[in-house]
Amino acid sequence: MDELGQILREARENKGLTLEEVQAETRIHARFLTALEKGDYAVLPTPVHVRGFLRNYARFLGLDPQPLLARY
């Protein structure tokens, strides 16, 4: 797991959310959320999509997306 993924996973877990709950709210498929949290970018679509997923996921978790996007 990379540092970016760890930040996302810890923020989600601290809020007591499951991947399925996040999927329902963000409309990002759970397999993509899992890949983001594991840092497994090879299974994700284009970099443009990944940046959009990161931005939406971070905002949903109450995180500032800019520092996370800079890490990607």
PDB file of N, CA and C in Angstrom:
ATOM      1  N   MET A   1       0.856  -1.179   0.000  1.00  0.00           N
ATOM      2  CA  MET A   1       0.000   0.000   0.000  1.00  0.00           C
ATOM      3  C   MET A   1       0.896   1.234   0.000  1.00  0.00           C
ATOM      4  N   ASP A   2       0.554   2.192  -0.833  1.00  0.00           N
ATOM      5  CA  ASP A   2       1.346   3.414  -0.852  1.00  0.00           C
ATOM      6  C   ASP A   2       0.786   4.422   0.146  1.00  0.00           C
ATOM      7  N   GLU A   3       1.544   5.484   0.356  1.00  0.00           N
ATOM      8  CA  GLU A   3       1.166   6.482   1.364  1.00  0.00           C
ATOM      9  C   GLU A   3      -0.170   7.145   1.039  1.00  0.00           C
ATOM     10  N   LEU A   4      -0.396   7.456  -0.218  1.00  0.00           N
ATOM     11  CA  LEU A   4      -1.656   8.070  -0.632  1.00  0.00           C
ATOM     12  C   LEU A   4      -2.829   7.146  -0.309  1.00  0.00           C
ATOM     13  N   GLY A   5      -2.700   5.892  -0.653  1.00  0.00           N
ATOM     14  CA  GLY A   5      -3.749   4.922  -0.361  1.00  0.00           C
ATOM     15  C   GLY A   5      -3.994   4.763   1.122  1.00  0.00           C
ATOM     16  N   GLN A   6      -2.924   4.804   1.893  1.00  0.00           N
ATOM     17  CA  GLN A   6      -3.046   4.675   3.344  1.00  0.00           C
ATOM     18  C   GLN A   6      -3.816   5.855   3.929  1.00  0.00           C
ATOM     19  N   ILE A   7      -3.562   7.048   3.427  1.00  0.00           N
ATOM     20  CA  ILE A   7      -4.285   8.242   3.886  1.00  0.00           C
ATOM     21  C   ILE A   7      -5.776   8.080   3.616  1.00  0.00           C
ATOM     22  N   LEU A   8      -6.114   7.637   2.414  1.00  0.00           N
ATOM     23  CA  LEU A   8      -7.517   7.461   2.046  1.00  0.00           C
ATOM     24  C   LEU A   8      -8.188   6.390   2.904  1.00  0.00           C
ATOM     25  N   ARG A   9      -7.529   5.246   3.047  1.00  0.00           N
ATOM     26  CA  ARG A   9      -8.103   4.147   3.826  1.00  0.00           C
ATOM     27  C   ARG A   9      -8.308   4.551   5.280  1.00  0.00           C
ATOM     28  N   GLU A  10      -7.307   5.185   5.875  1.00  0.00           N
ATOM     29  CA  GLU A  10      -7.422   5.590   7.278  1.00  0.00           C
ATOM     30  C   GLU A  10      -8.537   6.615   7.470  1.00  0.00           C
ATOM     31  N   ALA A  11      -8.673   7.553   6.533  1.00  0.00           N
ATOM     32  CA  ALA A  11      -9.745   8.549   6.636  1.00  0.00           C
ATOM     33  C   ALA A  11     -11.108   7.870   6.548  1.00  0.00           C
ATOM     34  N   ARG A  12     -11.231   6.909   5.633  1.00  0.00           N
ATOM     35  CA  ARG A  12     -12.502   6.181   5.491  1.00  0.00           C
ATOM     36  C   ARG A  12     -12.807   5.386   6.753  1.00  0.00           C
ATOM     37  N   GLU A  13     -11.825   4.665   7.247  1.00  0.00           N
ATOM     38  CA  GLU A  13     -12.034   3.840   8.436  1.00  0.00           C
ATOM     39  C   GLU A  13     -12.334   4.696   9.663  1.00  0.00           C
ATOM     40  N   ASN A  14     -11.685   5.854   9.776  1.00  0.00           N
ATOM     41  CA  ASN A  14     -11.950   6.753  10.904  1.00  0.00           C
ATOM     42  C   ASN A  14     -13.388   7.259  10.896  1.00  0.00           C
ATOM     43  N   LYS A  15     -13.984   7.328   9.718  1.00  0.00           N
ATOM     44  CA  LYS A  15     -15.379   7.750   9.608  1.00  0.00           C
ATOM     45  C   LYS A  15     -16.336   6.563   9.748  1.00  0.00           C
ATOM     46  N   GLY A  16     -15.783   5.365   9.882  1.00  0.00           N
ATOM     47  CA  GLY A  16     -16.608   4.169  10.045  1.00  0.00           C
ATOM     48  C   GLY A  16     -17.358   3.778   8.789  1.00  0.00           C
ATOM     49  N   LEU A  17     -16.792   4.073   7.629  1.00  0.00           N
ATOM     50  CA  LEU A  17     -17.455   3.801   6.358  1.00  0.00           C
ATOM     51  C   LEU A  17     -16.900   2.550   5.693  1.00  0.00           C
ATOM     52  N   THR A  18     -17.785   1.808   5.044  1.00  0.00           N
ATOM     53  CA  THR A  18     -17.360   0.676   4.227  1.00  0.00           C
ATOM     54  C   THR A  18     -17.144   1.166   2.803  1.00  0.00           C
ATOM     55  N   LEU A  19     -16.453   0.361   2.014  1.00  0.00           N
ATOM     56  CA  LEU A  19     -16.263   0.712   0.608  1.00  0.00           C
ATOM     57  C   LEU A  19     -17.603   0.777  -0.117  1.00  0.00           C
ATOM     58  N   GLU A  20     -18.531  -0.080   0.266  1.00  0.00           N
ATOM     59  CA  GLU A  20     -19.848  -0.086  -0.371  1.00  0.00           C
ATOM     60  C   GLU A  20     -20.603   1.212  -0.077  1.00  0.00           C
ATOM     61  N   GLU A  21     -20.471   1.719   1.138  1.00  0.00           N
ATOM     62  CA  GLU A  21     -21.121   2.989   1.484  1.00  0.00           C
ATOM     63  C   GLU A  21     -20.509   4.141   0.698  1.00  0.00           C
ATOM     64  N   VAL A  22     -19.195   4.125   0.561  1.00  0.00           N
ATOM     65  CA  VAL A  22     -18.518   5.170  -0.212  1.00  0.00           C
ATOM     66  C   VAL A  22     -18.939   5.077  -1.672  1.00  0.00           C
ATOM     67  N   GLN A  23     -19.000   3.856  -2.197  1.00  0.00           N
ATOM     68  CA  GLN A  23     -19.428   3.656  -3.577  1.00  0.00           C
ATOM     69  C   GLN A  23     -20.815   4.247  -3.806  1.00  0.00           C
ATOM     70  N   ALA A  24     -21.728   3.993  -2.890  1.00  0.00           N
ATOM     71  CA  ALA A  24     -23.103   4.478  -3.038  1.00  0.00           C
ATOM     72  C   ALA A  24     -23.163   6.003  -3.064  1.00  0.00           C
ATOM     73  N   GLU A  25     -22.314   6.647  -2.299  1.00  0.00           N
ATOM     74  CA  GLU A  25     -22.341   8.110  -2.221  1.00  0.00           C
ATOM     75  C   GLU A  25     -21.549   8.788  -3.330  1.00  0.00           C
ATOM     76  N   THR A  26     -20.414   8.194  -3.703  1.00  0.00           N
ATOM     77  CA  THR A  26     -19.535   8.839  -4.684  1.00  0.00           C
ATOM     78  C   THR A  26     -19.753   8.341  -6.104  1.00  0.00           C
ATOM     79  N   ARG A  27     -20.412   7.186  -6.224  1.00  0.00           N
ATOM     80  CA  ARG A  27     -20.600   6.523  -7.519  1.00  0.00           C
ATOM     81  C   ARG A  27     -19.272   6.091  -8.153  1.00  0.00           C
ATOM     82  N   ILE A  28     -18.263   5.913  -7.306  1.00  0.00           N
ATOM     83  CA  ILE A  28     -16.998   5.326  -7.749  1.00  0.00           C
ATOM     84  C   ILE A  28     -17.069   3.849  -7.371  1.00  0.00           C
ATOM     85  N   HIS A  29     -16.896   2.970  -8.338  1.00  0.00           N
ATOM     86  CA  HIS A  29     -17.028   1.532  -8.088  1.00  0.00           C
ATOM     87  C   HIS A  29     -16.063   1.092  -6.985  1.00  0.00           C
ATOM     88  N   ALA A  30     -16.517   0.178  -6.142  1.00  0.00           N
ATOM     89  CA  ALA A  30     -15.724  -0.295  -5.003  1.00  0.00           C
ATOM     90  C   ALA A  30     -14.379  -0.880  -5.436  1.00  0.00           C
ATOM     91  N   ARG A  31     -14.324  -1.511  -6.605  1.00  0.00           N
ATOM     92  CA  ARG A  31     -13.033  -2.074  -7.038  1.00  0.00           C
ATOM     93  C   ARG A  31     -12.033  -0.968  -7.341  1.00  0.00           C
ATOM     94  N   PHE A  32     -12.514   0.194  -7.817  1.00  0.00           N
ATOM     95  CA  PHE A  32     -11.615   1.323  -8.044  1.00  0.00           C
ATOM     96  C   PHE A  32     -11.195   1.957  -6.723  1.00  0.00           C
ATOM     97  N   LEU A  33     -12.122   2.019  -5.766  1.00  0.00           N
ATOM     98  CA  LEU A  33     -11.782   2.539  -4.441  1.00  0.00           C
ATOM     99  C   LEU A  33     -10.724   1.660  -3.784  1.00  0.00           C
ATOM    100  N   THR A  34     -10.894   0.350  -3.906  1.00  0.00           N
ATOM    101  CA  THR A  34      -9.916  -0.589  -3.356  1.00  0.00           C
ATOM    102  C   THR A  34      -8.557  -0.382  -4.013  1.00  0.00           C
ATOM    103  N   ALA A  35      -8.553  -0.226  -5.328  1.00  0.00           N
ATOM    104  CA  ALA A  35      -7.295  -0.013  -6.049  1.00  0.00           C
ATOM    105  C   ALA A  35      -6.625   1.284  -5.599  1.00  0.00           C
ATOM    106  N   LEU A  36      -7.403   2.347  -5.401  1.00  0.00           N
ATOM    107  CA  LEU A  36      -6.832   3.606  -4.914  1.00  0.00           C
ATOM    108  C   LEU A  36      -6.196   3.410  -3.545  1.00  0.00           C
ATOM    109  N   GLU A  37      -6.891   2.712  -2.667  1.00  0.00           N
ATOM    110  CA  GLU A  37      -6.385   2.504  -1.314  1.00  0.00           C
ATOM    111  C   GLU A  37      -5.149   1.607  -1.288  1.00  0.00           C
ATOM    112  N   LYS A  38      -5.018   0.727  -2.259  1.00  0.00           N
ATOM    113  CA  LYS A  38      -3.856  -0.162  -2.328  1.00  0.00           C
ATOM    114  C   LYS A  38      -2.725   0.441  -3.164  1.00  0.00           C
ATOM    115  N   GLY A  39      -3.012   1.548  -3.850  1.00  0.00           N
ATOM    116  CA  GLY A  39      -2.007   2.130  -4.728  1.00  0.00           C
ATOM    117  C   GLY A  39      -1.796   1.307  -5.981  1.00  0.00           C
ATOM    118  N   ASP A  40      -2.806   0.540  -6.368  1.00  0.00           N
ATOM    119  CA  ASP A  40      -2.739  -0.334  -7.536  1.00  0.00           C
ATOM    120  C   ASP A  40      -3.311   0.404  -8.741  1.00  0.00           C
ATOM    121  N   TYR A  41      -2.544   1.348  -9.241  1.00  0.00           N
ATOM    122  CA  TYR A  41      -3.028   2.221 -10.305  1.00  0.00           C
ATOM    123  C   TYR A  41      -3.147   1.517 -11.652  1.00  0.00           C
ATOM    124  N   ALA A  42      -2.515   0.358 -11.808  1.00  0.00           N
ATOM    125  CA  ALA A  42      -2.553  -0.365 -13.080  1.00  0.00           C
ATOM    126  C   ALA A  42      -3.952  -0.851 -13.423  1.00  0.00           C
ATOM    127  N   VAL A  43      -4.793  -1.101 -12.413  1.00  0.00           N
ATOM    128  CA  VAL A  43      -6.140  -1.602 -12.692  1.00  0.00           C
ATOM    129  C   VAL A  43      -7.141  -0.467 -12.911  1.00  0.00           C
ATOM    130  N   LEU A  44      -6.696   0.755 -12.721  1.00  0.00           N
ATOM    131  CA  LEU A  44      -7.584   1.907 -12.876  1.00  0.00           C
ATOM    132  C   LEU A  44      -7.581   2.396 -14.316  1.00  0.00           C
ATOM    133  N   PRO A  45      -8.640   3.121 -14.701  1.00  0.00           N
ATOM    134  CA  PRO A  45      -8.669   3.674 -16.058  1.00  0.00           C
ATOM    135  C   PRO A  45      -7.592   4.746 -16.243  1.00  0.00           C
ATOM    136  N   THR A  46      -7.791   5.617 -17.151  1.00  0.00           N
ATOM    137  CA  THR A  46      -6.796   6.627 -17.516  1.00  0.00           C
ATOM    138  C   THR A  46      -6.418   7.525 -16.337  1.00  0.00           C
ATOM    139  N   PRO A  47      -5.240   8.155 -16.409  1.00  0.00           N
ATOM    140  CA  PRO A  47      -4.827   9.085 -15.348  1.00  0.00           C
ATOM    141  C   PRO A  47      -5.838  10.209 -15.101  1.00  0.00           C
ATOM    142  N   VAL A  48      -6.534  10.631 -16.125  1.00  0.00           N
ATOM    143  CA  VAL A  48      -7.560  11.666 -15.951  1.00  0.00           C
ATOM    144  C   VAL A  48      -8.665  11.146 -15.031  1.00  0.00           C
ATOM    145  N   HIS A  49      -9.078   9.911 -15.244  1.00  0.00           N
ATOM    146  CA  HIS A  49     -10.090   9.297 -14.381  1.00  0.00           C
ATOM    147  C   HIS A  49      -9.578   9.154 -12.951  1.00  0.00           C
ATOM    148  N   VAL A  50      -8.335   8.720 -12.818  1.00  0.00           N
ATOM    149  CA  VAL A  50      -7.757   8.528 -11.484  1.00  0.00           C
ATOM    150  C   VAL A  50      -7.758   9.843 -10.718  1.00  0.00           C
ATOM    151  N   ARG A  51      -7.369  10.924 -11.369  1.00  0.00           N
ATOM    152  CA  ARG A  51      -7.358  12.234 -10.703  1.00  0.00           C
ATOM    153  C   ARG A  51      -8.775  12.632 -10.286  1.00  0.00           C
ATOM    154  N   GLY A  52      -9.749  12.360 -11.129  1.00  0.00           N
ATOM    155  CA  GLY A  52     -11.140  12.647 -10.775  1.00  0.00           C
ATOM    156  C   GLY A  52     -11.610  11.800  -9.605  1.00  0.00           C
ATOM    157  N   PHE A  53     -11.258  10.518  -9.621  1.00  0.00           N
ATOM    158  CA  PHE A  53     -11.610   9.638  -8.502  1.00  0.00           C
ATOM    159  C   PHE A  53     -10.976  10.139  -7.214  1.00  0.00           C
ATOM    160  N   LEU A  54      -9.688  10.484  -7.276  1.00  0.00           N
ATOM    161  CA  LEU A  54      -8.992  10.977  -6.084  1.00  0.00           C
ATOM    162  C   LEU A  54      -9.640  12.247  -5.548  1.00  0.00           C
ATOM    163  N   ARG A  55      -9.949  13.158  -6.451  1.00  0.00           N
ATOM    164  CA  ARG A  55     -10.569  14.432  -6.050  1.00  0.00           C
ATOM    165  C   ARG A  55     -11.918  14.181  -5.364  1.00  0.00           C
ATOM    166  N   ASN A  56     -12.758  13.372  -5.985  1.00  0.00           N
ATOM    167  CA  ASN A  56     -14.087  13.103  -5.428  1.00  0.00           C
ATOM    168  C   ASN A  56     -14.021  12.324  -4.121  1.00  0.00           C
ATOM    169  N   TYR A  57     -13.156  11.334  -4.065  1.00  0.00           N
ATOM    170  CA  TYR A  57     -13.023  10.515  -2.860  1.00  0.00           C
ATOM    171  C   TYR A  57     -12.500  11.372  -1.704  1.00  0.00           C
ATOM    172  N   ALA A  58     -11.486  12.178  -1.970  1.00  0.00           N
ATOM    173  CA  ALA A  58     -10.924  13.041  -0.925  1.00  0.00           C
ATOM    174  C   ALA A  58     -11.976  14.015  -0.401  1.00  0.00           C
ATOM    175  N   ARG A  59     -12.692  14.654  -1.292  1.00  0.00           N
ATOM    176  CA  ARG A  59     -13.736  15.601  -0.861  1.00  0.00           C
ATOM    177  C   ARG A  59     -14.804  14.898  -0.035  1.00  0.00           C
ATOM    178  N   PHE A  60     -15.204  13.719  -0.471  1.00  0.00           N
ATOM    179  CA  PHE A  60     -16.210  12.962   0.270  1.00  0.00           C
ATOM    180  C   PHE A  60     -15.734  12.661   1.690  1.00  0.00           C
ATOM    181  N   LEU A  61     -14.453  12.377   1.832  1.00  0.00           N
ATOM    182  CA  LEU A  61     -13.885  12.055   3.140  1.00  0.00           C
ATOM    183  C   LEU A  61     -13.563  13.301   3.970  1.00  0.00           C
ATOM    184  N   GLY A  62     -13.759  14.476   3.374  1.00  0.00           N
ATOM    185  CA  GLY A  62     -13.465  15.708   4.096  1.00  0.00           C
ATOM    186  C   GLY A  62     -12.000  16.093   4.053  1.00  0.00           C
ATOM    187  N   LEU A  63     -11.278  15.560   3.075  1.00  0.00           N
ATOM    188  CA  LEU A  63      -9.861  15.864   2.913  1.00  0.00           C
ATOM    189  C   LEU A  63      -9.672  16.897   1.812  1.00  0.00           C
ATOM    190  N   ASP A  64      -8.606  17.673   1.909  1.00  0.00           N
ATOM    191  CA  ASP A  64      -8.245  18.612   0.848  1.00  0.00           C
ATOM    192  C   ASP A  64      -7.652  17.789  -0.294  1.00  0.00           C
ATOM    193  N   PRO A  65      -8.252  17.813  -1.472  1.00  0.00           N
ATOM    194  CA  PRO A  65      -7.756  16.963  -2.551  1.00  0.00           C
ATOM    195  C   PRO A  65      -6.415  17.401  -3.142  1.00  0.00           C
ATOM    196  N   GLN A  66      -6.063  18.680  -3.048  1.00  0.00           N
ATOM    197  CA  GLN A  66      -4.854  19.161  -3.720  1.00  0.00           C
ATOM    198  C   GLN A  66      -3.567  18.472  -3.262  1.00  0.00           C
ATOM    199  N   PRO A  67      -3.321  18.351  -1.955  1.00  0.00           N
ATOM    200  CA  PRO A  67      -2.095  17.647  -1.547  1.00  0.00           C
ATOM    201  C   PRO A  67      -2.087  16.176  -1.979  1.00  0.00           C
ATOM    202  N   LEU A  68      -3.253  15.562  -2.008  1.00  0.00           N
ATOM    203  CA  LEU A  68      -3.330  14.167  -2.432  1.00  0.00           C
ATOM    204  C   LEU A  68      -3.065  14.043  -3.928  1.00  0.00           C
ATOM    205  N   LEU A  69      -3.617  14.968  -4.696  1.00  0.00           N
ATOM    206  CA  LEU A  69      -3.374  14.944  -6.138  1.00  0.00           C
ATOM    207  C   LEU A  69      -1.899  15.177  -6.438  1.00  0.00           C
ATOM    208  N   ALA A  70      -1.246  16.014  -5.645  1.00  0.00           N
ATOM    209  CA  ALA A  70       0.182  16.269  -5.839  1.00  0.00           C
ATOM    210  C   ALA A  70       1.009  15.009  -5.579  1.00  0.00           C
ATOM    211  N   ARG A  71       0.535  14.145  -4.685  1.00  0.00           N
ATOM    212  CA  ARG A  71       1.244  12.894  -4.388  1.00  0.00           C
ATOM    213  C   ARG A  71       1.074  11.874  -5.505  1.00  0.00           C
ATOM    214  N   TYR A  72      -0.013  11.988  -6.252  1.00  0.00           N
ATOM    215  CA  TYR A  72      -0.277  11.040  -7.326  1.00  0.00           C
ATOM    216  C   TYR A  72       0.665  11.325  -8.474  1.00  0.00           C
TER     217      TYR A  72
END
